[in-house]
Amino acid sequence: MGSDRERRLLQHGPAAPAKEVPTLQEFASKFLNGYARANRKKPSGIASKETIIRAHLLPLLGAKKLDAISNEVVQGVTHALREKAPRTVNNVLTVLNQLPKTAVEWNVLDRMPCAIRLRPLPKSSAWRPERGAAAPSKSAVRIGVGFRALKPGPRVRGRIARRKIPSTQRKGRSGRQAERVKNASSSRAPQDPLQQEFRGQS
């Protein structure tokens, strides 16, 4: 037993002392000064990180050591913020991910203690239906001859309304063709009287 221990000491040297891992509260001030401010982040971004740490992370994880922030702990944070908007939850998780990641870069931690995934955000839509209203069809957003898509209003939402077409535009294809033929015939040169007389005799 003793010879094995001596052999290991000769080969690898004395074991490195265990790292003193700080708590999240102890590391938070170093993170804000050494990461956010030292890297010249925007003042609004620094203020946002300070608010997230003070309002959300310290009450939940302030006394927990950084290497003890496991996936289960992160899930508990997500559950505690279940009443918040998804974007707010993602902002908190982003800062929570930056804390141990920075600790790894500074050799405070040997590895990341957790894997944090952001929540999917709902897709925003320009058209927001009223309660019980159906989404407009494709034809409602396509402008055609005699129709136009109405903007959502107090009485009409997502409908197609018939547009009044001026009388000058009511002529169909046949009417336009007849008008072109009439104009073409009127613009022709007058016929020779002899030709007219010959055609009348024939």
N, C-alpha and C. Protein backbone atom coordinates (compact mmCIF):
# COMPACT_ATOMS: atom_id res chain seq x y z
N MET A 1 0.83 -1.21 0.00
CA MET A 1 0.00 0.00 0.00
C MET A 1 0.86 1.25 0.00
N GLY A 2 1.81 1.29 0.95
CA GLY A 2 2.66 2.46 1.03
C GLY A 2 3.53 2.63 -0.18
N SER A 3 4.06 1.48 -0.74
CA SER A 3 4.92 1.57 -1.92
C SER A 3 4.14 2.07 -3.13
N ASP A 4 2.89 1.66 -3.26
CA ASP A 4 2.07 2.14 -4.38
C ASP A 4 1.85 3.64 -4.29
N ARG A 5 1.61 4.12 -3.10
CA ARG A 5 1.38 5.56 -2.92
C ARG A 5 2.64 6.34 -3.23
N GLU A 6 3.77 5.81 -2.79
CA GLU A 6 5.04 6.49 -3.07
C GLU A 6 5.32 6.49 -4.57
N ARG A 7 5.01 5.38 -5.25
CA ARG A 7 5.23 5.30 -6.69
C ARG A 7 4.37 6.34 -7.43
N ARG A 8 3.13 6.48 -7.01
CA ARG A 8 2.25 7.46 -7.65
C ARG A 8 2.75 8.87 -7.41
N LEU A 9 3.25 9.12 -6.22
CA LEU A 9 3.78 10.45 -5.92
C LEU A 9 4.99 10.77 -6.76
N LEU A 10 5.85 9.73 -6.98
CA LEU A 10 7.04 9.94 -7.80
C LEU A 10 6.67 10.16 -9.26
N GLN A 11 5.64 9.47 -9.75
CA GLN A 11 5.25 9.57 -11.16
C GLN A 11 4.44 10.83 -11.45
N HIS A 12 3.47 11.12 -10.59
CA HIS A 12 2.52 12.21 -10.87
C HIS A 12 2.68 13.41 -9.93
N GLY A 13 3.46 13.27 -8.93
CA GLY A 13 3.59 14.35 -7.98
C GLY A 13 2.42 14.39 -7.02
N PRO A 14 2.44 15.30 -6.08
CA PRO A 14 1.35 15.38 -5.11
C PRO A 14 0.05 15.82 -5.78
N ALA A 15 -1.04 15.32 -5.27
CA ALA A 15 -2.35 15.67 -5.83
C ALA A 15 -2.63 17.15 -5.67
N ALA A 16 -3.20 17.70 -6.70
CA ALA A 16 -3.55 19.13 -6.66
C ALA A 16 -4.66 19.35 -5.65
N PRO A 17 -4.57 20.43 -4.91
CA PRO A 17 -5.65 20.70 -3.94
C PRO A 17 -6.96 20.97 -4.64
N ALA A 18 -8.03 20.58 -4.01
CA ALA A 18 -9.36 20.79 -4.60
C ALA A 18 -9.66 22.27 -4.72
N LYS A 19 -10.28 22.63 -5.84
CA LYS A 19 -10.62 24.03 -6.07
C LYS A 19 -11.75 24.44 -5.13
N GLU A 20 -11.62 25.65 -4.65
CA GLU A 20 -12.69 26.21 -3.83
C GLU A 20 -13.71 26.85 -4.76
N VAL A 21 -14.83 26.19 -4.92
CA VAL A 21 -15.85 26.67 -5.85
C VAL A 21 -16.71 27.70 -5.15
N PRO A 22 -16.87 28.88 -5.72
CA PRO A 22 -17.70 29.90 -5.09
C PRO A 22 -19.18 29.62 -5.31
N THR A 23 -19.97 30.26 -4.50
CA THR A 23 -21.41 30.21 -4.72
C THR A 23 -21.79 31.19 -5.83
N LEU A 24 -23.01 31.06 -6.30
CA LEU A 24 -23.46 31.97 -7.36
C LEU A 24 -23.43 33.41 -6.88
N GLN A 25 -23.79 33.65 -5.63
CA GLN A 25 -23.79 35.01 -5.09
C GLN A 25 -22.37 35.57 -5.02
N GLU A 26 -21.40 34.73 -4.65
CA GLU A 26 -20.02 35.18 -4.56
C GLU A 26 -19.43 35.45 -5.94
N PHE A 27 -19.83 34.67 -6.91
CA PHE A 27 -19.26 34.82 -8.25
C PHE A 27 -19.97 35.89 -9.07
N ALA A 28 -21.17 36.26 -8.68
CA ALA A 28 -21.97 37.19 -9.49
C ALA A 28 -21.29 38.55 -9.63
N SER A 29 -20.74 39.09 -8.53
CA SER A 29 -20.08 40.40 -8.61
C SER A 29 -18.82 40.32 -9.48
N LYS A 30 -18.07 39.21 -9.39
CA LYS A 30 -16.89 39.05 -10.24
C LYS A 30 -17.30 38.94 -11.71
N PHE A 31 -18.42 38.29 -11.94
CA PHE A 31 -18.92 38.15 -13.32
C PHE A 31 -19.29 39.49 -13.90
N LEU A 32 -19.99 40.31 -13.13
CA LEU A 32 -20.41 41.62 -13.65
C LEU A 32 -19.22 42.54 -13.88
N ASN A 33 -18.24 42.52 -12.98
CA ASN A 33 -17.09 43.41 -13.13
C ASN A 33 -16.06 42.86 -14.13
N GLY A 34 -15.76 41.57 -14.02
CA GLY A 34 -14.70 41.00 -14.84
C GLY A 34 -15.14 40.56 -16.22
N TYR A 35 -16.44 40.36 -16.42
CA TYR A 35 -16.94 39.93 -17.73
C TYR A 35 -17.71 41.04 -18.43
N ALA A 36 -18.79 41.48 -17.81
CA ALA A 36 -19.67 42.45 -18.48
C ALA A 36 -18.99 43.81 -18.63
N ARG A 37 -18.48 44.36 -17.52
CA ARG A 37 -17.89 45.69 -17.59
C ARG A 37 -16.50 45.66 -18.24
N ALA A 38 -15.73 44.62 -17.98
CA ALA A 38 -14.39 44.56 -18.56
C ALA A 38 -14.44 44.40 -20.07
N ASN A 39 -15.45 43.72 -20.58
CA ASN A 39 -15.60 43.55 -22.03
C ASN A 39 -16.37 44.69 -22.67
N ARG A 40 -16.65 45.73 -21.88
CA ARG A 40 -17.30 46.94 -22.39
C ARG A 40 -18.64 46.63 -23.04
N LYS A 41 -19.43 45.85 -22.33
CA LYS A 41 -20.78 45.60 -22.80
C LYS A 41 -21.60 46.88 -22.70
N LYS A 42 -22.71 46.92 -23.42
CA LYS A 42 -23.56 48.10 -23.39
C LYS A 42 -24.11 48.33 -21.98
N PRO A 43 -24.24 49.58 -21.58
CA PRO A 43 -24.80 49.85 -20.24
C PRO A 43 -26.17 49.22 -20.04
N SER A 44 -26.98 49.22 -21.09
CA SER A 44 -28.30 48.61 -20.96
C SER A 44 -28.18 47.11 -20.73
N GLY A 45 -27.21 46.46 -21.39
CA GLY A 45 -27.00 45.03 -21.18
C GLY A 45 -26.50 44.72 -19.79
N ILE A 46 -25.59 45.55 -19.27
CA ILE A 46 -25.09 45.34 -17.91
C ILE A 46 -26.22 45.52 -16.90
N ALA A 47 -27.03 46.56 -17.10
CA ALA A 47 -28.16 46.78 -16.19
C ALA A 47 -29.14 45.63 -16.25
N SER A 48 -29.37 45.08 -17.43
CA SER A 48 -30.27 43.94 -17.55
C SER A 48 -29.73 42.72 -16.81
N LYS A 49 -28.44 42.45 -16.93
CA LYS A 49 -27.83 41.32 -16.21
C LYS A 49 -27.92 41.53 -14.70
N GLU A 50 -27.67 42.74 -14.25
CA GLU A 50 -27.77 43.02 -12.81
C GLU A 50 -29.18 42.78 -12.30
N THR A 51 -30.17 43.22 -13.08
CA THR A 51 -31.56 43.02 -12.66
C THR A 51 -31.91 41.54 -12.63
N ILE A 52 -31.48 40.79 -13.63
CA ILE A 52 -31.79 39.35 -13.67
C ILE A 52 -31.15 38.63 -12.49
N ILE A 53 -29.89 38.96 -12.21
CA ILE A 53 -29.21 38.30 -11.09
C ILE A 53 -29.87 38.66 -9.77
N ARG A 54 -30.18 39.93 -9.57
CA ARG A 54 -30.75 40.37 -8.30
C ARG A 54 -32.18 39.89 -8.11
N ALA A 55 -32.99 39.94 -9.17
CA ALA A 55 -34.42 39.66 -9.02
C ALA A 55 -34.75 38.18 -9.16
N HIS A 56 -33.95 37.42 -9.90
CA HIS A 56 -34.33 36.03 -10.19
C HIS A 56 -33.31 35.01 -9.69
N LEU A 57 -32.04 35.20 -10.02
CA LEU A 57 -31.05 34.15 -9.73
C LEU A 57 -30.64 34.11 -8.27
N LEU A 58 -30.40 35.26 -7.67
CA LEU A 58 -29.99 35.26 -6.26
C LEU A 58 -31.07 34.69 -5.33
N PRO A 59 -32.34 35.05 -5.49
CA PRO A 59 -33.35 34.44 -4.62
C PRO A 59 -33.46 32.93 -4.80
N LEU A 60 -33.18 32.42 -6.00
CA LEU A 60 -33.35 30.99 -6.26
C LEU A 60 -32.07 30.19 -6.03
N LEU A 61 -30.92 30.75 -6.45
CA LEU A 61 -29.68 29.97 -6.45
C LEU A 61 -28.51 30.69 -5.79
N GLY A 62 -28.79 31.74 -5.04
CA GLY A 62 -27.69 32.54 -4.50
C GLY A 62 -26.74 31.75 -3.62
N ALA A 63 -27.23 30.84 -2.80
CA ALA A 63 -26.38 30.08 -1.87
C ALA A 63 -25.84 28.79 -2.48
N LYS A 64 -26.17 28.49 -3.71
CA LYS A 64 -25.72 27.23 -4.33
C LYS A 64 -24.38 27.44 -5.02
N LYS A 65 -23.48 26.45 -4.85
CA LYS A 65 -22.18 26.52 -5.51
C LYS A 65 -22.36 26.32 -7.02
N LEU A 66 -21.44 26.90 -7.79
CA LEU A 66 -21.58 26.86 -9.24
C LEU A 66 -21.54 25.44 -9.78
N ASP A 67 -20.71 24.58 -9.20
CA ASP A 67 -20.62 23.22 -9.72
C ASP A 67 -21.82 22.36 -9.32
N ALA A 68 -22.70 22.90 -8.50
CA ALA A 68 -23.90 22.17 -8.08
C ALA A 68 -25.13 22.58 -8.89
N ILE A 69 -24.94 23.46 -9.87
CA ILE A 69 -26.07 23.88 -10.72
C ILE A 69 -26.24 22.84 -11.82
N SER A 70 -26.98 21.82 -11.54
CA SER A 70 -27.18 20.71 -12.47
C SER A 70 -28.37 20.99 -13.38
N ASN A 71 -28.62 20.05 -14.29
CA ASN A 71 -29.78 20.18 -15.17
C ASN A 71 -31.08 20.17 -14.38
N GLU A 72 -31.10 19.41 -13.30
CA GLU A 72 -32.31 19.38 -12.46
C GLU A 72 -32.54 20.72 -11.80
N VAL A 73 -31.46 21.38 -11.39
CA VAL A 73 -31.59 22.71 -10.78
C VAL A 73 -32.10 23.72 -11.80
N VAL A 74 -31.58 23.62 -13.03
CA VAL A 74 -32.04 24.53 -14.09
C VAL A 74 -33.52 24.32 -14.38
N GLN A 75 -33.95 23.07 -14.36
CA GLN A 75 -35.36 22.79 -14.58
C GLN A 75 -36.21 23.38 -13.46
N GLY A 76 -35.69 23.38 -12.24
CA GLY A 76 -36.40 24.02 -11.13
C GLY A 76 -36.53 25.52 -11.32
N VAL A 77 -35.50 26.14 -11.89
CA VAL A 77 -35.57 27.58 -12.17
C VAL A 77 -36.63 27.85 -13.23
N THR A 78 -36.65 27.03 -14.27
CA THR A 78 -37.66 27.20 -15.32
C THR A 78 -39.07 27.03 -14.74
N HIS A 79 -39.24 26.08 -13.84
CA HIS A 79 -40.55 25.88 -13.24
C HIS A 79 -40.94 27.06 -12.35
N ALA A 80 -39.98 27.62 -11.65
CA ALA A 80 -40.27 28.77 -10.79
C ALA A 80 -40.68 29.99 -11.60
N LEU A 81 -40.22 30.06 -12.84
CA LEU A 81 -40.55 31.21 -13.70
C LEU A 81 -41.65 30.89 -14.69
N ARG A 82 -42.46 29.89 -14.40
CA ARG A 82 -43.48 29.43 -15.37
C ARG A 82 -44.53 30.49 -15.65
N GLU A 83 -44.74 31.42 -14.74
CA GLU A 83 -45.73 32.47 -14.95
C GLU A 83 -45.17 33.65 -15.74
N LYS A 84 -43.88 33.65 -15.99
CA LYS A 84 -43.26 34.75 -16.73
C LYS A 84 -43.38 34.51 -18.23
N ALA A 85 -43.17 35.57 -18.99
CA ALA A 85 -43.20 35.46 -20.45
C ALA A 85 -42.02 34.62 -20.92
N PRO A 86 -42.18 33.88 -22.02
CA PRO A 86 -41.08 33.04 -22.51
C PRO A 86 -39.79 33.82 -22.77
N ARG A 87 -39.90 35.04 -23.25
CA ARG A 87 -38.70 35.84 -23.50
C ARG A 87 -37.98 36.17 -22.20
N THR A 88 -38.74 36.45 -21.14
CA THR A 88 -38.13 36.73 -19.84
C THR A 88 -37.41 35.50 -19.31
N VAL A 89 -38.05 34.34 -19.45
CA VAL A 89 -37.42 33.09 -19.00
C VAL A 89 -36.12 32.85 -19.76
N ASN A 90 -36.12 33.09 -21.04
CA ASN A 90 -34.90 32.89 -21.84
C ASN A 90 -33.80 33.86 -21.44
N ASN A 91 -34.16 35.08 -21.10
CA ASN A 91 -33.16 36.04 -20.65
C ASN A 91 -32.51 35.58 -19.34
N VAL A 92 -33.32 35.04 -18.43
CA VAL A 92 -32.77 34.53 -17.17
C VAL A 92 -31.87 33.32 -17.43
N LEU A 93 -32.31 32.42 -18.29
CA LEU A 93 -31.51 31.23 -18.59
C LEU A 93 -30.21 31.59 -19.30
N THR A 94 -30.24 32.63 -20.10
CA THR A 94 -29.02 33.06 -20.79
C THR A 94 -27.97 33.53 -19.80
N VAL A 95 -28.38 34.34 -18.83
CA VAL A 95 -27.43 34.81 -17.81
C VAL A 95 -26.98 33.64 -16.94
N LEU A 96 -27.89 32.75 -16.60
CA LEU A 96 -27.53 31.57 -15.81
C LEU A 96 -26.52 30.70 -16.55
N ASN A 97 -26.60 30.64 -17.84
CA ASN A 97 -25.63 29.87 -18.62
C ASN A 97 -24.28 30.58 -18.70
N GLN A 98 -24.29 31.92 -18.74
CA GLN A 98 -23.05 32.67 -18.84
C GLN A 98 -22.21 32.59 -17.56
N LEU A 99 -22.86 32.44 -16.42
CA LEU A 99 -22.11 32.40 -15.16
C LEU A 99 -21.17 31.20 -15.07
N PRO A 100 -21.62 29.95 -15.16
CA PRO A 100 -20.67 28.83 -15.12
C PRO A 100 -19.75 28.77 -16.34
N LYS A 101 -20.22 29.24 -17.50
CA LYS A 101 -19.37 29.25 -18.68
C LYS A 101 -18.16 30.16 -18.47
N THR A 102 -18.40 31.32 -17.88
CA THR A 102 -17.29 32.22 -17.56
C THR A 102 -16.40 31.63 -16.49
N ALA A 103 -17.00 30.93 -15.54
CA ALA A 103 -16.20 30.28 -14.50
C ALA A 103 -15.27 29.21 -15.09
N VAL A 104 -15.72 28.51 -16.11
CA VAL A 104 -14.86 27.53 -16.79
C VAL A 104 -13.72 28.24 -17.51
N GLU A 105 -14.00 29.35 -18.18
CA GLU A 105 -12.96 30.10 -18.88
C GLU A 105 -11.92 30.65 -17.91
N TRP A 106 -12.33 30.97 -16.71
CA TRP A 106 -11.41 31.49 -15.69
C TRP A 106 -10.80 30.39 -14.82
N ASN A 107 -11.01 29.14 -15.19
CA ASN A 107 -10.49 27.98 -14.45
C ASN A 107 -11.02 27.90 -13.02
N VAL A 108 -12.16 28.52 -12.81
CA VAL A 108 -12.82 28.35 -11.51
C VAL A 108 -13.52 27.00 -11.48
N LEU A 109 -14.04 26.56 -12.60
CA LEU A 109 -14.65 25.24 -12.75
C LEU A 109 -13.89 24.46 -13.81
N ASP A 110 -13.90 23.15 -13.67
CA ASP A 110 -13.24 22.29 -14.65
C ASP A 110 -14.11 22.05 -15.88
N ARG A 111 -15.41 22.06 -15.70
CA ARG A 111 -16.32 21.79 -16.80
C ARG A 111 -17.67 22.42 -16.49
N MET A 112 -18.49 22.48 -17.51
CA MET A 112 -19.85 23.00 -17.33
C MET A 112 -20.67 22.00 -16.52
N PRO A 113 -21.33 22.45 -15.47
CA PRO A 113 -22.11 21.52 -14.66
C PRO A 113 -23.49 21.20 -15.23
N CYS A 114 -23.92 21.93 -16.28
CA CYS A 114 -25.27 21.74 -16.80
C CYS A 114 -25.29 22.12 -18.27
N ALA A 115 -26.35 21.71 -18.93
CA ALA A 115 -26.60 22.09 -20.32
C ALA A 115 -27.94 22.80 -20.37
N ILE A 116 -27.91 24.07 -20.69
CA ILE A 116 -29.12 24.90 -20.65
C ILE A 116 -29.64 25.10 -22.06
N ARG A 117 -30.93 24.85 -22.22
CA ARG A 117 -31.61 25.06 -23.51
C ARG A 117 -32.69 26.11 -23.32
N LEU A 118 -32.73 27.02 -24.26
CA LEU A 118 -33.73 28.09 -24.19
C LEU A 118 -35.08 27.56 -24.65
N ARG A 119 -36.12 28.20 -24.17
CA ARG A 119 -37.48 27.82 -24.52
C ARG A 119 -37.84 28.39 -25.89
N PRO A 120 -38.60 27.66 -26.69
CA PRO A 120 -39.02 28.21 -27.99
C PRO A 120 -40.00 29.36 -27.80
N LEU A 121 -39.81 30.40 -28.59
CA LEU A 121 -40.69 31.56 -28.52
C LEU A 121 -41.85 31.39 -29.48
N PRO A 122 -43.03 31.84 -29.10
CA PRO A 122 -44.18 31.76 -30.02
C PRO A 122 -43.96 32.65 -31.22
N LYS A 123 -44.42 32.18 -32.39
CA LYS A 123 -44.28 32.95 -33.60
C LYS A 123 -45.25 34.12 -33.58
N SER A 124 -44.72 35.30 -33.83
CA SER A 124 -45.57 36.49 -33.87
C SER A 124 -46.29 36.54 -35.20
N SER A 125 -47.50 37.06 -35.18
CA SER A 125 -48.30 37.17 -36.40
C SER A 125 -48.90 38.56 -36.46
N ALA A 126 -48.90 39.13 -37.66
CA ALA A 126 -49.48 40.46 -37.83
C ALA A 126 -50.98 40.44 -37.70
N TRP A 127 -51.62 39.31 -38.02
CA TRP A 127 -53.08 39.20 -37.93
C TRP A 127 -53.43 38.47 -36.66
N ARG A 128 -54.14 39.10 -35.77
CA ARG A 128 -54.55 38.51 -34.51
C ARG A 128 -56.07 38.41 -34.48
N PRO A 129 -56.63 37.24 -34.60
CA PRO A 129 -58.08 37.10 -34.69
C PRO A 129 -58.75 37.36 -33.35
N GLU A 130 -60.00 37.78 -33.43
CA GLU A 130 -60.79 37.89 -32.22
C GLU A 130 -61.20 36.50 -31.76
N ARG A 131 -61.69 36.44 -30.57
CA ARG A 131 -62.09 35.16 -30.02
C ARG A 131 -63.20 34.54 -30.88
N GLY A 132 -62.96 33.34 -31.37
CA GLY A 132 -63.93 32.64 -32.20
C GLY A 132 -63.86 32.97 -33.67
N ALA A 133 -62.98 33.91 -34.06
CA ALA A 133 -62.89 34.28 -35.48
C ALA A 133 -61.93 33.35 -36.18
N ALA A 134 -62.25 33.01 -37.43
CA ALA A 134 -61.40 32.13 -38.21
C ALA A 134 -60.35 32.94 -38.96
N ALA A 135 -59.23 32.30 -39.24
CA ALA A 135 -58.16 32.96 -39.98
C ALA A 135 -58.61 33.21 -41.41
N PRO A 136 -58.17 34.30 -42.03
CA PRO A 136 -58.57 34.59 -43.40
C PRO A 136 -57.98 33.59 -44.38
N SER A 137 -58.71 33.32 -45.45
CA SER A 137 -58.21 32.41 -46.48
C SER A 137 -57.18 33.12 -47.34
N LYS A 138 -56.56 32.32 -48.25
CA LYS A 138 -55.54 32.90 -49.11
C LYS A 138 -56.13 33.95 -50.04
N SER A 139 -57.39 33.75 -50.45
CA SER A 139 -58.00 34.72 -51.35
C SER A 139 -58.24 36.05 -50.67
N ALA A 140 -58.27 36.05 -49.33
CA ALA A 140 -58.52 37.31 -48.62
C ALA A 140 -57.32 38.21 -48.65
N VAL A 141 -56.14 37.65 -48.87
CA VAL A 141 -54.95 38.47 -48.90
C VAL A 141 -54.48 38.70 -50.33
N ARG A 142 -55.22 38.19 -51.32
CA ARG A 142 -54.87 38.38 -52.71
C ARG A 142 -55.84 39.39 -53.32
N ILE A 143 -55.32 40.43 -53.87
CA ILE A 143 -56.14 41.48 -54.46
C ILE A 143 -56.42 41.11 -55.91
N GLY A 144 -57.68 41.00 -56.27
CA GLY A 144 -58.06 40.65 -57.64
C GLY A 144 -58.93 41.73 -58.24
N VAL A 145 -59.43 41.46 -59.46
CA VAL A 145 -60.27 42.43 -60.14
C VAL A 145 -61.62 42.49 -59.45
N GLY A 146 -61.98 43.66 -58.96
CA GLY A 146 -63.27 43.83 -58.33
C GLY A 146 -63.29 43.47 -56.85
N PHE A 147 -62.16 43.03 -56.29
CA PHE A 147 -62.12 42.68 -54.87
C PHE A 147 -60.88 43.31 -54.25
N ARG A 148 -60.96 43.52 -52.97
CA ARG A 148 -59.80 44.00 -52.23
C ARG A 148 -59.90 43.48 -50.80
N ALA A 149 -58.75 43.24 -50.18
CA ALA A 149 -58.72 42.75 -48.80
C ALA A 149 -58.87 43.93 -47.86
N LEU A 150 -59.81 43.82 -46.97
CA LEU A 150 -60.05 44.89 -46.01
C LEU A 150 -59.14 44.73 -44.81
N LYS A 151 -58.72 45.85 -44.27
CA LYS A 151 -57.97 45.81 -43.01
C LYS A 151 -58.93 45.47 -41.87
N PRO A 152 -58.42 44.81 -40.80
CA PRO A 152 -59.30 44.47 -39.68
C PRO A 152 -59.95 45.71 -39.12
N GLY A 153 -61.25 45.67 -38.99
CA GLY A 153 -62.01 46.79 -38.46
C GLY A 153 -62.93 46.33 -37.36
N PRO A 154 -63.76 47.23 -36.85
CA PRO A 154 -64.65 46.84 -35.74
C PRO A 154 -65.71 45.84 -36.15
N ARG A 155 -66.17 45.88 -37.42
CA ARG A 155 -67.23 44.99 -37.86
C ARG A 155 -66.73 43.94 -38.85
N VAL A 156 -65.72 44.29 -39.63
CA VAL A 156 -65.24 43.38 -40.66
C VAL A 156 -63.81 43.01 -40.33
N ARG A 157 -63.51 41.71 -40.24
CA ARG A 157 -62.15 41.25 -39.94
C ARG A 157 -61.88 39.99 -40.76
N GLY A 158 -60.94 40.07 -41.64
CA GLY A 158 -60.58 38.91 -42.44
C GLY A 158 -61.58 38.58 -43.52
N ARG A 159 -62.44 39.53 -43.92
CA ARG A 159 -63.42 39.27 -44.97
C ARG A 159 -62.95 39.84 -46.30
N ILE A 160 -63.70 39.48 -47.35
CA ILE A 160 -63.46 40.05 -48.67
C ILE A 160 -64.67 40.90 -49.01
N ALA A 161 -64.45 42.14 -49.35
CA ALA A 161 -65.55 43.03 -49.69
C ALA A 161 -65.48 43.37 -51.17
N ARG A 162 -66.65 43.44 -51.78
CA ARG A 162 -66.70 43.78 -53.20
C ARG A 162 -66.47 45.27 -53.36
N ARG A 163 -65.60 45.60 -54.27
CA ARG A 163 -65.26 46.99 -54.50
C ARG A 163 -66.09 47.54 -55.65
N LYS A 164 -66.57 48.75 -55.50
CA LYS A 164 -67.32 49.39 -56.56
C LYS A 164 -66.37 49.81 -57.67
N ILE A 165 -66.62 49.30 -58.86
CA ILE A 165 -65.76 49.60 -60.00
C ILE A 165 -66.39 50.74 -60.79
N PRO A 166 -65.63 51.79 -61.12
CA PRO A 166 -66.19 52.89 -61.92
C PRO A 166 -66.70 52.40 -63.26
N SER A 167 -67.67 53.15 -63.79
CA SER A 167 -68.29 52.74 -65.05
C SER A 167 -67.28 52.71 -66.19
N THR A 168 -66.24 53.53 -66.08
CA THR A 168 -65.24 53.55 -67.15
C THR A 168 -64.42 52.27 -67.18
N GLN A 169 -64.44 51.50 -66.08
CA GLN A 169 -63.67 50.27 -66.02
C GLN A 169 -64.53 49.02 -66.16
N ARG A 170 -65.84 49.21 -66.42
CA ARG A 170 -66.73 48.05 -66.48
C ARG A 170 -66.75 47.38 -67.85
N LYS A 171 -66.13 47.98 -68.83
CA LYS A 171 -66.14 47.38 -70.14
C LYS A 171 -65.31 46.12 -70.13
N GLY A 172 -65.89 45.07 -70.64
CA GLY A 172 -65.18 43.81 -70.70
C GLY A 172 -64.26 43.74 -71.88
N ARG A 173 -63.77 42.55 -72.10
CA ARG A 173 -62.83 42.35 -73.20
C ARG A 173 -63.49 42.59 -74.55
N SER A 174 -64.74 42.09 -74.70
CA SER A 174 -65.43 42.27 -75.98
C SER A 174 -65.72 43.74 -76.24
N GLY A 175 -66.07 44.51 -75.21
CA GLY A 175 -66.33 45.92 -75.40
C GLY A 175 -65.09 46.67 -75.83
N ARG A 176 -63.96 46.32 -75.23
CA ARG A 176 -62.71 46.99 -75.61
C ARG A 176 -62.31 46.63 -77.03
N GLN A 177 -62.54 45.35 -77.41
CA GLN A 177 -62.21 44.96 -78.77
C GLN A 177 -63.09 45.68 -79.79
N ALA A 178 -64.42 45.79 -79.46
CA ALA A 178 -65.32 46.49 -80.38
C ALA A 178 -64.92 47.94 -80.53
N GLU A 179 -64.48 48.54 -79.46
CA GLU A 179 -64.08 49.94 -79.52
C GLU A 179 -62.82 50.10 -80.37
N ARG A 180 -61.89 49.15 -80.27
CA ARG A 180 -60.68 49.23 -81.07
C ARG A 180 -61.00 49.05 -82.57
N VAL A 181 -61.94 48.11 -82.89
CA VAL A 181 -62.34 47.90 -84.29
C VAL A 181 -63.00 49.15 -84.84
N LYS A 182 -63.86 49.78 -84.04
CA LYS A 182 -64.55 50.99 -84.49
C LYS A 182 -63.57 52.11 -84.77
N ASN A 183 -62.59 52.26 -83.87
CA ASN A 183 -61.59 53.31 -84.06
C ASN A 183 -60.73 53.02 -85.29
N ALA A 184 -60.44 51.74 -85.50
CA ALA A 184 -59.60 51.38 -86.66
C ALA A 184 -60.34 51.65 -87.97
N SER A 185 -61.65 51.31 -88.00
CA SER A 185 -62.42 51.52 -89.23
C SER A 185 -62.62 52.99 -89.54
N SER A 186 -62.76 53.78 -88.48
CA SER A 186 -62.95 55.21 -88.71
C SER A 186 -61.68 55.89 -89.17
N SER A 187 -60.53 55.29 -88.86
CA SER A 187 -59.27 55.91 -89.25
C SER A 187 -58.81 55.50 -90.64
N ARG A 188 -59.53 54.58 -91.34
CA ARG A 188 -59.14 54.17 -92.68
C ARG A 188 -59.43 55.28 -93.69
N ALA A 189 -58.65 55.27 -94.78
CA ALA A 189 -58.85 56.27 -95.85
C ALA A 189 -60.14 55.99 -96.60
N PRO A 190 -60.87 57.00 -97.10
CA PRO A 190 -62.12 56.76 -97.83
C PRO A 190 -61.85 56.00 -99.12
N GLN A 191 -62.81 55.16 -99.53
CA GLN A 191 -62.65 54.36 -100.72
C GLN A 191 -62.88 55.20 -101.99
N ASP A 192 -62.32 54.74 -103.10
CA ASP A 192 -62.47 55.40 -104.39
C ASP A 192 -63.94 55.29 -104.86
N PRO A 193 -64.58 56.38 -105.36
CA PRO A 193 -65.98 56.29 -105.82
C PRO A 193 -66.19 55.25 -106.90
N LEU A 194 -65.20 55.03 -107.77
CA LEU A 194 -65.34 54.00 -108.80
C LEU A 194 -65.42 52.62 -108.20
N GLN A 195 -64.64 52.39 -107.16
CA GLN A 195 -64.68 51.10 -106.48
C GLN A 195 -66.04 50.89 -105.83
N GLN A 196 -66.60 51.97 -105.24
CA GLN A 196 -67.92 51.84 -104.61
C GLN A 196 -68.97 51.52 -105.69
N GLU A 197 -68.89 52.20 -106.86
CA GLU A 197 -69.86 51.96 -107.90
C GLU A 197 -69.73 50.55 -108.45
N PHE A 198 -68.46 50.09 -108.60
CA PHE A 198 -68.24 48.72 -109.09
C PHE A 198 -68.80 47.70 -108.14
N ARG A 199 -68.58 47.89 -106.83
CA ARG A 199 -69.12 46.96 -105.85
C ARG A 199 -70.62 46.97 -105.82
N GLY A 200 -71.24 48.16 -106.08
CA GLY A 200 -72.68 48.20 -106.10
C GLY A 200 -73.25 47.48 -107.30
N GLN A 201 -72.56 47.53 -108.49
CA GLN A 201 -73.05 46.81 -109.64
C GLN A 201 -72.87 45.33 -109.49
N SER A 202 -71.81 44.92 -108.82
CA SER A 202 -71.59 43.50 -108.64
C SER A 202 -72.53 42.95 -107.58
